[in-house]
Amino acid sequence: MAVLFLALPLLRPFVKKLWPVEGLTWLPLVALGIIIGVFPAYGFRPECVPMLAFAVIYNFIHFSPIVSGMFARSNDSFRDRGAVFTVCAFIFLSAATIPMFAFSSLIDVTTERDGVSVVRVNRDYSLRVYGPVQADRSLIFLVPPEWDSAASVDLVCTELQKKRFTVITYFSQEKYSWTKLLTYWRVFRNAAVFVSANEKGKTIEAERRKEIEMLLPRLPALLNKEDDDLPPLLLAGYGAGGSALAYLAAENGFISTYGNVRGVVAIESRLWSSYLPEVRNAPAVPLAQGVSGVFVRLWANIVNRFNDLKPQRVARNGRLPGAGLSQPGLPVLYLVSGRALDVSEGQKPYQAVFDTLRSGSGPTALAAIEGAGPLDYQDYPLTHPIYSYLLPGQENARKRSEDPIGDTASIISNFASILWEQAELGSLPRYAISGSLYTESKGLPGFRL
């Protein structure tokens, strides 16, 4: 509708039957309203941003006829519009239309899911429970991503529910803002490089840890169960939530408190807390005497001052999960993008994950679907395909995943199967992965996803 409403006024000079139709003047404004309405109705849709920009600019240029229409005055300025303007306008309209249709959602994002209930925790948080809580169904407590929260992993939770897991995730009543979106993007891009972004990442990890420590003890009561009645539990977390879980999994107090927890899956979790600020190299100020010495010292101080103005960088030399443990912590699986396998960048920003795996004592494992991008373990390949296009995985992947969401659920389920067998809790089904999978492990005998 928006494309049609923007195109008709552009065609008006060339179709005489449209000349007397004064109502066409209002169509670009209606189209702008439709495009604006997409965002509160369906969330942030990057593929619609070019069309939004086109509609805003077109209405600005089209402002005079709109004013005339407001005062019921006829305006025939459209007849003076040249063919060059119209052709250019159609080119820009087509350029804005293509991504909107090419990257539209592949599913109905408003569809209700069967067997999903919402439990209110307090005025700030609510649980979303997929499936019944029964003794014969294993539990997964899933910490949602920072952006889009539980809404961005709804399909993943549904897939796990189909595999006979009961999945519990949560969401906050807090409204998201553009400021938070920009903060999350800055952390995503630069928290392994610059101190300012890294500090934000550490703050988000700390916030996620507080949420986990607040919600986990309340689970039995919220699910109307006794502490001893809860089935075996696997913890999974995205982003900062996965990092918080990885650190908790290596703490003796946490392990002893939650005896039914069998392991952790940290998805695209980059362990920002393991980075520390680099020491700045400040050149020594010369001790030369006399007038020349004064100028030399002044120049050295100026150089040092400008060096201090540069963004301070971080180095991967902080504490890793499980560092210095006297006994093994809970098994942790790090599920990362295929980008992590590109060694040309020194495996940044996944360096902390590889350091944890290769320098720690375990039990730790790493898995990556080679063609999966950093957002492909969420619902985005189906709900926001543009993210997969803009943030792809490894370029030379042997085989790309045909079902990223199903493969994500299968990897989590297969890891749970390994842990359940090791703990003699019975066997869970194993599922095939459609994409080429890279794995590495330490301290997990017989690990195979």
Protein backbone atom coordinates (compact mmCIF):
# COMPACT_ATOMS: atom_id res chain seq x y z
CA MET A 1 0.00 0.00 0.00
CA ALA A 2 2.77 2.40 0.89
CA VAL A 3 4.58 1.80 -2.41
CA LEU A 4 1.32 2.23 -4.35
CA PHE A 5 0.45 5.44 -2.50
CA LEU A 6 3.88 6.87 -3.27
CA ALA A 7 3.86 5.76 -6.90
CA LEU A 8 0.42 7.10 -7.93
CA PRO A 9 1.22 10.80 -7.38
CA LEU A 10 4.43 10.30 -9.35
CA LEU A 11 2.42 8.93 -12.28
CA ARG A 12 -0.18 11.72 -12.15
CA PRO A 13 1.51 14.08 -14.66
CA PHE A 14 1.49 11.33 -17.33
CA VAL A 15 -2.08 10.04 -16.86
CA LYS A 16 -4.69 12.69 -17.71
CA LYS A 17 -7.49 10.79 -15.98
CA LEU A 18 -5.62 11.33 -12.70
CA TRP A 19 -5.34 15.13 -13.11
CA PRO A 20 -8.71 15.98 -11.52
CA VAL A 21 -8.26 13.50 -8.64
CA GLU A 22 -7.24 15.97 -5.91
CA GLY A 23 -7.18 13.23 -3.26
CA LEU A 24 -3.91 11.90 -4.69
CA THR A 25 -2.21 14.81 -2.96
CA TRP A 26 -2.71 13.12 0.41
CA LEU A 27 -1.45 9.66 -0.54
CA PRO A 28 2.27 10.31 0.17
CA LEU A 29 1.38 11.49 3.67
CA VAL A 30 -0.74 8.38 4.23
CA ALA A 31 2.14 6.23 2.93
CA LEU A 32 4.49 7.89 5.44
CA GLY A 33 2.04 7.07 8.24
CA ILE A 34 1.88 3.43 7.11
CA ILE A 35 5.68 3.06 7.08
CA ILE A 36 6.00 4.72 10.50
CA GLY A 37 3.31 2.38 11.84
CA VAL A 38 5.31 -0.69 10.79
CA PHE A 39 7.88 -0.08 13.54
CA PRO A 40 5.61 -0.07 16.63
CA ALA A 41 3.54 -2.89 15.13
CA TYR A 42 6.39 -5.24 14.13
CA GLY A 43 9.44 -3.93 15.97
CA PHE A 44 12.56 -2.48 14.41
CA ARG A 45 12.59 -3.45 10.72
CA PRO A 46 15.90 -2.34 9.13
CA GLU A 47 14.66 -3.28 5.66
CA CYS A 48 11.97 -0.58 5.95
CA VAL A 49 14.37 2.24 6.85
CA PRO A 50 15.18 3.17 3.20
CA MET A 51 11.45 3.41 2.44
CA LEU A 52 10.93 5.53 5.55
CA ALA A 53 13.69 7.89 4.41
CA PHE A 54 12.22 8.10 0.90
CA ALA A 55 8.73 8.83 2.25
CA VAL A 56 10.02 11.59 4.55
CA ILE A 57 11.99 13.27 1.74
CA TYR A 58 9.13 12.89 -0.74
CA ASN A 59 6.63 14.48 1.67
CA PHE A 60 9.04 17.34 2.30
CA ILE A 61 9.27 18.02 -1.45
CA HIS A 62 5.51 17.47 -1.76
CA PHE A 63 4.71 19.87 1.10
CA SER A 64 3.18 22.68 -1.02
CA PRO A 65 0.37 20.56 -2.58
CA ILE A 66 -0.44 19.16 0.89
CA VAL A 67 -0.86 22.70 2.29
CA SER A 68 -3.09 23.63 -0.67
CA GLY A 69 -5.19 20.54 -0.02
CA MET A 70 -5.61 21.53 3.63
CA PHE A 71 -7.27 24.77 2.53
CA ALA A 72 -9.31 23.08 -0.22
CA ARG A 73 -7.38 24.90 -2.93
CA SER A 74 -6.53 23.23 -6.21
CA ASN A 75 -2.84 22.79 -6.94
CA ASP A 76 -1.64 21.80 -10.40
CA SER A 77 2.09 22.16 -9.80
CA PHE A 78 2.43 18.47 -10.64
CA ARG A 79 2.03 19.36 -14.35
CA ASP A 80 5.31 21.27 -14.25
CA ARG A 81 7.19 18.27 -12.95
CA GLY A 82 9.76 17.11 -15.48
CA ALA A 83 10.33 13.60 -16.72
CA VAL A 84 13.85 13.58 -15.27
CA PHE A 85 12.51 14.19 -11.76
CA THR A 86 9.91 11.44 -12.14
CA VAL A 87 12.42 8.91 -13.50
CA CYS A 88 14.88 9.68 -10.66
CA ALA A 89 12.07 9.46 -8.10
CA PHE A 90 11.03 6.03 -9.43
CA ILE A 91 14.64 4.83 -9.32
CA PHE A 92 14.93 5.83 -5.64
CA LEU A 93 11.49 4.38 -4.90
CA SER A 94 12.53 1.07 -6.48
CA ALA A 95 15.81 1.08 -4.53
CA ALA A 96 13.85 1.54 -1.29
CA THR A 97 11.27 -1.09 -2.26
CA ILE A 98 13.66 -3.93 -3.10
CA PRO A 99 15.14 -4.48 0.41
CA MET A 100 11.69 -4.08 1.99
CA PHE A 101 10.36 -7.07 0.05
CA ALA A 102 13.60 -9.05 -0.33
CA PHE A 103 14.21 -9.13 3.44
CA SER A 104 10.67 -9.25 4.76
CA SER A 105 9.83 -11.76 7.48
CA LEU A 106 9.51 -15.34 6.24
CA ILE A 107 6.92 -16.17 8.91
CA ASP A 108 4.00 -14.50 10.63
CA VAL A 109 5.74 -12.91 13.62
CA THR A 110 2.44 -12.34 15.43
CA THR A 111 1.43 -16.04 15.54
CA GLU A 112 0.46 -17.35 18.97
CA ARG A 113 2.38 -20.42 20.19
CA ASP A 114 0.60 -23.44 21.67
CA GLY A 115 1.52 -24.57 25.17
CA VAL A 116 3.12 -21.27 26.17
CA SER A 117 2.17 -19.59 29.45
CA VAL A 118 3.28 -16.38 31.13
CA VAL A 119 4.02 -16.22 34.87
CA ARG A 120 4.40 -12.84 36.52
CA VAL A 121 7.47 -12.62 38.77
CA ASN A 122 7.13 -9.03 39.95
CA ARG A 123 6.30 -5.68 38.43
CA ASP A 124 9.53 -5.74 36.40
CA TYR A 125 9.86 -9.34 35.16
CA SER A 126 7.71 -12.15 33.81
CA LEU A 127 8.54 -15.73 32.87
CA ARG A 128 7.53 -17.33 29.59
CA VAL A 129 7.14 -21.10 29.99
CA TYR A 130 7.11 -23.39 26.95
CA GLY A 131 5.50 -26.74 27.75
CA PRO A 132 4.39 -28.33 31.03
CA VAL A 133 6.74 -28.81 33.98
CA GLN A 134 6.79 -32.58 34.45
CA ALA A 135 9.17 -35.13 35.90
CA ASP A 136 9.70 -36.74 32.47
CA ARG A 137 10.55 -33.45 30.73
CA SER A 138 13.99 -31.88 31.24
CA LEU A 139 14.17 -28.17 31.97
CA ILE A 140 16.07 -25.44 30.15
CA PHE A 141 16.34 -22.02 31.75
CA LEU A 142 17.23 -19.61 28.95
CA VAL A 143 18.58 -16.09 29.49
CA PRO A 144 17.40 -14.05 26.48
CA PRO A 145 19.54 -11.71 24.37
CA GLU A 146 19.97 -8.10 25.41
CA TRP A 147 18.09 -6.71 22.41
CA ASP A 148 14.55 -7.94 21.61
CA SER A 149 14.73 -10.16 24.71
CA ALA A 150 12.51 -13.26 24.72
CA ALA A 151 10.74 -12.19 21.52
CA SER A 152 13.90 -12.88 19.50
CA VAL A 153 14.22 -16.51 20.69
CA ASP A 154 10.56 -17.53 20.59
CA LEU A 155 11.09 -19.92 17.67
CA VAL A 156 14.21 -21.43 19.28
CA CYS A 157 12.24 -22.08 22.47
CA THR A 158 9.42 -23.59 20.44
CA GLU A 159 11.84 -25.95 18.68
CA LEU A 160 13.24 -27.06 22.04
CA GLN A 161 9.70 -27.58 23.29
CA LYS A 162 9.09 -29.89 20.33
CA LYS A 163 12.14 -31.89 21.44
CA ARG A 164 10.37 -32.51 24.79
CA PHE A 165 12.13 -29.87 26.84
CA THR A 166 10.29 -27.44 29.03
CA VAL A 167 11.89 -24.07 28.33
CA ILE A 168 11.71 -21.17 30.75
CA THR A 169 12.81 -17.74 29.64
CA TYR A 170 11.95 -14.28 30.89
CA PHE A 171 11.41 -10.74 29.77
CA SER A 172 11.43 -7.33 31.35
CA GLN A 173 8.58 -4.81 31.28
CA GLU A 174 11.12 -2.11 30.54
CA LYS A 175 10.68 -0.36 27.20
CA TYR A 176 13.61 -0.44 24.80
CA SER A 177 14.95 2.77 23.34
CA TRP A 178 17.19 3.84 20.48
CA THR A 179 19.79 4.80 23.05
CA LYS A 180 19.95 1.23 24.36
CA LEU A 181 20.04 -0.16 20.84
CA LEU A 182 23.05 2.02 20.01
CA THR A 183 24.72 0.97 23.27
CA TYR A 184 24.24 -2.72 22.51
CA TRP A 185 25.58 -2.22 18.99
CA ARG A 186 28.62 -0.35 20.31
CA VAL A 187 29.34 -3.16 22.78
CA PHE A 188 28.82 -5.80 20.08
CA ARG A 189 31.29 -4.10 17.76
CA ASN A 190 33.95 -2.68 20.08
CA ALA A 191 33.89 -4.25 23.56
CA ALA A 192 36.97 -6.35 22.71
CA VAL A 193 38.81 -3.24 21.48
CA PHE A 194 38.04 -0.10 23.48
CA VAL A 195 37.73 0.46 27.22
CA SER A 196 34.58 2.60 27.02
CA ALA A 197 32.63 -0.08 25.12
CA ASN A 198 34.10 -2.84 27.28
CA GLU A 199 32.94 -1.14 30.48
CA LYS A 200 29.41 -1.02 29.06
CA GLY A 201 29.69 -4.73 28.25
CA LYS A 202 30.82 -5.53 31.79
CA THR A 203 27.87 -3.53 33.15
CA ILE A 204 25.44 -5.53 31.02
CA GLU A 205 27.04 -8.81 32.17
CA ALA A 206 26.65 -7.70 35.80
CA GLU A 207 22.99 -6.81 35.20
CA ARG A 208 22.35 -10.22 33.66
CA ARG A 209 24.02 -11.93 36.61
CA LYS A 210 21.72 -10.09 39.03
CA GLU A 211 18.69 -11.19 37.03
CA ILE A 212 19.84 -14.83 37.07
CA GLU A 213 20.56 -14.75 40.81
CA MET A 214 17.13 -13.22 41.40
CA LEU A 215 15.13 -15.61 39.20
CA LEU A 216 16.77 -19.01 39.70
CA PRO A 217 15.94 -19.35 43.43
CA ARG A 218 12.31 -18.43 42.68
CA LEU A 219 11.78 -20.97 39.91
CA PRO A 220 10.32 -23.77 42.10
CA ALA A 221 7.76 -21.44 43.68
CA LEU A 222 6.88 -19.76 40.39
CA LEU A 223 6.36 -23.17 38.76
CA ASN A 224 4.42 -24.50 41.78
CA LYS A 225 7.05 -27.13 42.56
CA GLU A 226 9.17 -28.07 45.54
CA ASP A 227 12.94 -27.62 45.26
CA ASP A 228 13.47 -31.38 45.08
CA ASP A 229 10.75 -31.86 42.46
CA LEU A 230 12.42 -29.92 39.65
CA PRO A 231 13.74 -32.10 36.81
CA PRO A 232 17.40 -31.85 35.70
CA LEU A 233 18.14 -28.34 34.51
CA LEU A 234 20.31 -27.00 31.68
CA LEU A 235 21.15 -23.30 31.73
CA ALA A 236 21.49 -21.44 28.43
CA GLY A 237 22.18 -17.78 27.83
CA TYR A 238 22.69 -15.40 24.94
CA GLY A 239 25.32 -12.68 24.88
CA ALA A 240 26.02 -11.16 28.29
CA GLY A 241 23.63 -13.67 29.88
CA GLY A 242 25.72 -16.56 28.61
CA SER A 243 28.88 -14.89 29.90
CA ALA A 244 27.32 -14.46 33.34
CA LEU A 245 26.31 -18.13 33.37
CA ALA A 246 29.82 -19.22 32.30
CA TYR A 247 31.35 -17.43 35.29
CA LEU A 248 28.67 -18.77 37.67
CA ALA A 249 29.26 -22.31 36.39
CA ALA A 250 32.80 -22.14 37.77
CA GLU A 251 31.81 -20.97 41.28
CA ASN A 252 31.60 -23.61 44.01
CA GLY A 253 28.83 -21.78 45.84
CA PHE A 254 26.62 -21.74 42.76
CA ILE A 255 27.28 -25.41 41.98
CA SER A 256 26.44 -26.55 45.51
CA THR A 257 23.29 -24.41 45.67
CA TYR A 258 21.81 -25.69 42.41
CA GLY A 259 22.47 -29.42 42.46
CA ASN A 260 20.03 -30.17 39.61
CA VAL A 261 21.92 -27.93 37.14
CA ARG A 262 23.91 -30.11 34.74
CA GLY A 263 25.65 -27.61 32.50
CA VAL A 264 25.62 -24.31 30.64
CA VAL A 265 25.29 -23.29 26.99
CA ALA A 266 26.70 -19.80 26.33
CA ILE A 267 25.55 -18.55 22.92
CA GLU A 268 27.53 -15.74 21.29
CA SER A 269 28.93 -14.85 24.71
CA ARG A 270 32.24 -13.04 24.48
CA LEU A 271 33.24 -12.77 28.15
CA TRP A 272 33.79 -9.01 28.33
CA SER A 273 34.79 -9.31 31.99
CA SER A 274 38.00 -11.07 30.97
CA TYR A 275 39.36 -7.90 29.30
CA LEU A 276 41.33 -5.19 31.14
CA PRO A 277 42.52 -1.74 30.06
CA GLU A 278 45.89 -1.64 28.36
CA VAL A 279 48.61 0.39 30.05
CA ARG A 280 49.25 3.50 27.98
CA ASN A 281 52.79 3.96 26.72
CA ALA A 282 53.75 7.46 27.83
CA PRO A 283 57.15 8.56 26.44
CA ALA A 284 59.50 9.82 29.15
CA VAL A 285 59.89 13.59 29.35
CA PRO A 286 63.56 14.50 28.60
CA LEU A 287 65.62 16.14 31.35
CA ALA A 288 67.56 18.43 29.03
CA GLN A 289 68.67 21.76 30.58
CA GLY A 290 68.43 25.32 29.30
CA VAL A 291 65.97 27.00 26.95
CA SER A 292 66.07 24.13 24.45
CA GLY A 293 65.33 21.69 27.27
CA VAL A 294 62.19 23.66 28.21
CA PHE A 295 60.86 23.44 24.65
CA VAL A 296 61.71 19.72 24.45
CA ARG A 297 59.86 19.02 27.70
CA LEU A 298 56.90 21.16 26.59
CA TRP A 299 56.66 19.28 23.29
CA ALA A 300 56.88 15.91 25.07
CA ASN A 301 54.05 16.94 27.42
CA ILE A 302 51.91 18.00 24.45
CA VAL A 303 52.53 14.65 22.73
CA ASN A 304 51.59 12.77 25.91
CA ARG A 305 48.46 14.88 26.32
CA PHE A 306 47.32 14.02 22.77
CA ASN A 307 48.09 10.35 23.41
CA ASP A 308 45.79 10.51 26.44
CA LEU A 309 42.97 11.79 24.21
CA LYS A 310 43.05 8.64 22.08
CA PRO A 311 40.46 5.96 22.98
CA GLN A 312 42.03 3.59 25.47
CA ARG A 313 42.19 0.00 24.31
CA VAL A 314 41.71 -3.28 26.19
CA ALA A 315 43.77 -6.47 26.33
CA ARG A 316 42.64 -10.03 26.99
CA ASN A 317 44.44 -10.53 30.29
CA GLY A 318 41.62 -10.57 32.86
CA ARG A 319 40.15 -13.49 34.78
CA LEU A 320 38.61 -16.25 32.69
CA PRO A 321 35.75 -18.53 33.83
CA GLY A 322 37.16 -21.39 35.89
CA ALA A 323 40.60 -19.83 36.31
CA GLY A 324 42.32 -21.09 39.45
CA LEU A 325 39.61 -23.62 40.35
CA SER A 326 40.66 -26.45 42.62
CA GLN A 327 38.01 -28.71 41.09
CA PRO A 328 36.15 -28.71 37.74
CA GLY A 329 33.10 -26.53 37.40
CA LEU A 330 29.95 -27.29 35.44
CA PRO A 331 30.41 -28.24 31.77
CA VAL A 332 30.08 -25.22 29.48
CA LEU A 333 29.42 -25.25 25.74
CA TYR A 334 30.23 -22.04 23.88
CA LEU A 335 28.13 -21.77 20.72
CA VAL A 336 29.68 -19.11 18.50
CA SER A 337 29.38 -17.69 15.01
CA GLY A 338 31.29 -19.15 12.09
CA ARG A 339 33.15 -15.83 12.13
CA ALA A 340 35.04 -17.08 15.18
CA LEU A 341 36.85 -19.56 12.93
CA ASP A 342 38.44 -16.75 10.89
CA VAL A 343 41.96 -16.55 12.33
CA SER A 344 42.95 -13.57 10.17
CA GLU A 345 41.66 -11.22 12.89
CA GLY A 346 43.32 -13.16 15.70
CA GLN A 347 39.91 -14.64 16.55
CA LYS A 348 38.67 -11.34 17.92
CA PRO A 349 36.19 -10.74 19.47
CA TYR A 350 36.10 -14.43 20.47
CA GLN A 351 39.63 -14.54 21.89
CA ALA A 352 38.42 -14.97 25.48
CA VAL A 353 36.30 -17.98 24.51
CA PHE A 354 39.26 -19.71 22.83
CA ASP A 355 41.53 -18.83 25.76
CA THR A 356 39.02 -20.36 28.17
CA LEU A 357 38.84 -23.53 26.11
CA ARG A 358 42.53 -23.99 25.44
CA SER A 359 44.17 -22.72 28.63
CA GLY A 360 41.59 -23.88 31.16
CA SER A 361 41.15 -27.31 32.65
CA GLY A 362 37.58 -27.79 31.40
CA PRO A 363 35.07 -29.27 31.15
CA THR A 364 34.54 -26.91 28.22
CA ALA A 365 33.50 -27.24 24.59
CA LEU A 366 33.08 -24.96 21.60
CA ALA A 367 30.78 -25.36 18.62
CA ALA A 368 30.24 -23.20 15.55
CA ILE A 369 28.03 -23.68 12.50
CA GLU A 370 30.47 -22.45 9.88
CA GLY A 371 27.97 -20.46 7.82
CA ALA A 372 26.07 -19.02 10.79
CA GLY A 373 26.39 -15.33 11.59
CA PRO A 374 26.41 -13.93 15.14
CA LEU A 375 22.62 -13.41 15.12
CA ASP A 376 21.67 -16.65 13.36
CA TYR A 377 21.25 -18.60 16.62
CA GLN A 378 18.18 -16.48 17.35
CA ASP A 379 14.92 -16.23 15.37
CA TYR A 380 16.34 -13.61 13.02
CA PRO A 381 17.04 -15.84 9.97
CA LEU A 382 13.24 -16.16 9.64
CA THR A 383 11.98 -12.96 11.25
CA HIS A 384 14.72 -10.51 10.13
CA PRO A 385 16.61 -12.09 7.18
CA ILE A 386 18.48 -8.83 6.61
CA TYR A 387 20.56 -9.48 9.75
CA SER A 388 21.85 -12.74 8.29
CA TYR A 389 22.71 -10.91 5.07
CA LEU A 390 24.54 -8.04 6.80
CA LEU A 391 26.26 -10.23 9.43
CA PRO A 392 27.11 -13.52 7.71
CA GLY A 393 29.20 -16.37 9.09
CA GLN A 394 32.36 -17.88 7.68
CA GLU A 395 32.59 -17.13 3.96
CA ASN A 396 34.05 -20.48 2.88
CA ALA A 397 31.71 -22.67 4.92
CA ARG A 398 31.65 -26.26 3.72
CA LYS A 399 27.87 -26.47 4.02
CA ARG A 400 25.47 -23.77 5.14
CA SER A 401 22.68 -24.58 7.55
CA GLU A 402 19.31 -25.22 5.90
CA ASP A 403 17.54 -24.63 9.21
CA PRO A 404 19.55 -22.34 11.55
CA ILE A 405 16.86 -22.24 14.22
CA GLY A 406 16.33 -26.01 14.19
CA ASP A 407 20.10 -26.57 14.23
CA THR A 408 20.48 -24.25 17.22
CA ALA A 409 17.87 -26.22 19.15
CA SER A 410 19.49 -29.51 18.07
CA ILE A 411 22.94 -28.44 19.31
CA ILE A 412 21.51 -27.45 22.70
CA SER A 413 19.52 -30.69 22.88
CA ASN A 414 22.51 -32.85 21.87
CA PHE A 415 24.70 -31.20 24.52
CA ALA A 416 22.02 -31.92 27.10
CA SER A 417 21.98 -35.53 25.89
CA ILE A 418 25.75 -35.82 26.53
CA LEU A 419 25.41 -34.39 30.04
CA TRP A 420 22.39 -36.53 30.91
CA GLU A 421 24.22 -39.70 29.85
CA GLN A 422 27.30 -38.75 31.89
CA ALA A 423 25.10 -38.18 34.95
CA GLU A 424 23.19 -41.44 34.28
CA LEU A 425 19.89 -39.57 34.01
CA GLY A 426 18.73 -41.54 31.02
CA SER A 427 19.24 -40.97 27.32
CA LEU A 428 17.83 -38.10 25.29
CA PRO A 429 17.34 -38.27 21.52
CA ARG A 430 20.15 -36.99 19.27
CA TYR A 431 19.38 -34.80 16.28
CA ALA A 432 21.26 -34.26 13.02
CA ILE A 433 22.75 -30.83 12.22
CA SER A 434 22.13 -29.69 8.64
CA GLY A 435 25.06 -27.24 8.49
CA SER A 436 28.78 -28.01 8.69
CA LEU A 437 29.71 -27.98 12.38
CA TYR A 438 33.10 -27.22 13.92
CA THR A 439 33.66 -28.52 17.46
CA GLU A 440 36.47 -28.51 19.98
CA SER A 441 36.45 -29.70 23.58
CA LYS A 442 38.54 -30.11 26.72
CA GLY A 443 37.73 -32.22 29.75
CA LEU A 444 34.65 -33.75 28.12
CA PRO A 445 35.45 -37.36 27.15
CA GLY A 446 33.49 -38.62 24.17
CA PHE A 447 32.18 -35.17 23.30
CA ARG A 448 30.38 -35.31 19.96
CA LEU A 449 27.48 -33.13 18.87
